[in-house]
Amino acid sequence: MTVGKMPHTFKVGDIVLYRPTDRMRSAARGTYTITALMPALDGQQPEYRIKHFNEDFERVALEIELSPGMHTAASETSRPSQ
């Protein structure tokens, strides 16, 4: 098992929208907060620990399952400069 060097798009504290793959159909939909960054393994996408305000536990999500929520550092860097 090798730890990859893929950069994370999101930062701890960012609000994201979680759209789980088929493996987690019962997961609460909606906004989550990034609570931790996890390394990418063997060239896979970076993973994140996320927390929904209405759940008492954290989940692990792949980057492909997340998109920017309200105001995040990731959305700030993708805005065109004025």
Protein backbone atom coordinates (compact mmCIF):
# COMPACT_ATOMS: atom_id res chain seq x y z
CA MET A 1 0.00 0.00 0.00
CA THR A 2 1.52 3.30 -1.15
CA VAL A 3 0.41 6.74 -0.07
CA GLY A 4 -0.17 9.03 -3.07
CA LYS A 5 0.58 12.71 -3.41
CA MET A 6 -2.65 13.91 -5.04
CA PRO A 7 -3.59 17.33 -3.67
CA HIS A 8 -6.87 17.78 -1.83
CA THR A 9 -9.41 20.15 -3.38
CA PHE A 10 -11.15 20.91 -0.09
CA LYS A 11 -9.81 22.07 3.27
CA VAL A 12 -10.81 21.23 6.86
CA GLY A 13 -13.85 23.33 7.77
CA ASP A 14 -15.17 23.60 4.19
CA ILE A 15 -18.88 23.02 3.63
CA VAL A 16 -19.49 20.51 0.85
CA LEU A 17 -22.39 18.73 -0.82
CA TYR A 18 -22.15 14.96 -0.48
CA ARG A 19 -23.51 12.76 -3.26
CA PRO A 20 -22.59 9.22 -2.26
CA THR A 21 -22.07 6.43 -4.74
CA ASP A 22 -24.27 3.33 -4.64
CA ARG A 23 -22.28 1.97 -1.70
CA MET A 24 -23.98 4.43 0.68
CA ARG A 25 -27.58 4.81 -0.39
CA SER A 26 -28.71 5.37 3.20
CA ALA A 27 -26.37 8.34 3.78
CA ALA A 28 -27.99 11.65 4.58
CA ARG A 29 -27.99 13.91 1.54
CA GLY A 30 -27.10 17.57 1.81
CA THR A 31 -24.33 19.66 3.29
CA TYR A 32 -21.46 18.25 5.30
CA THR A 33 -18.39 19.79 6.92
CA ILE A 34 -14.90 18.52 6.12
CA THR A 35 -13.41 17.39 9.44
CA ALA A 36 -10.15 15.80 8.26
CA LEU A 37 -8.07 15.18 5.15
CA MET A 38 -7.02 11.61 4.46
CA PRO A 39 -4.23 10.58 2.09
CA ALA A 40 -4.89 9.03 -1.29
CA LEU A 41 -3.83 5.38 -1.39
CA ASP A 42 -2.23 3.74 -4.41
CA GLY A 43 -3.01 6.58 -6.83
CA GLN A 44 -6.67 6.77 -5.77
CA GLN A 45 -8.51 10.04 -5.21
CA PRO A 46 -8.00 11.83 -1.90
CA GLU A 47 -10.45 10.93 0.84
CA TYR A 48 -12.06 13.11 3.47
CA ARG A 49 -13.74 12.65 6.83
CA ILE A 50 -17.06 14.50 6.71
CA LYS A 51 -19.79 15.24 9.26
CA HIS A 52 -23.47 15.99 8.67
CA PHE A 53 -25.01 18.30 11.29
CA ASN A 54 -27.86 15.82 11.86
CA GLU A 55 -25.68 12.74 12.45
CA ASP A 56 -23.65 11.74 15.51
CA PHE A 57 -20.80 10.19 13.51
CA GLU A 58 -18.39 10.98 10.69
CA ARG A 59 -18.20 9.38 7.27
CA VAL A 60 -15.35 8.83 4.83
CA ALA A 61 -15.98 10.22 1.34
CA LEU A 62 -14.03 10.14 -1.91
CA GLU A 63 -13.32 13.49 -3.51
CA ILE A 64 -15.48 12.57 -6.52
CA GLU A 65 -18.49 12.32 -4.17
CA LEU A 66 -18.09 15.93 -2.99
CA SER A 67 -18.75 19.31 -4.55
CA PRO A 68 -18.38 22.82 -3.12
CA GLY A 69 -21.19 23.82 -0.78
CA MET A 70 -21.98 27.34 0.39
CA HIS A 71 -18.68 29.22 0.84
CA THR A 72 -15.53 27.10 0.75
CA ALA A 73 -11.86 27.75 0.17
CA ALA A 74 -12.15 25.59 -2.96
CA SER A 75 -14.92 27.76 -4.42
CA GLU A 76 -12.94 30.89 -3.59
CA THR A 77 -9.97 29.74 -5.70
CA SER A 78 -12.18 28.80 -8.65
CA ARG A 79 -13.79 32.23 -8.96
CA PRO A 80 -12.63 34.44 -11.83
CA SER A 81 -10.75 37.50 -10.64
CA GLN A 82 -12.42 40.87 -11.08
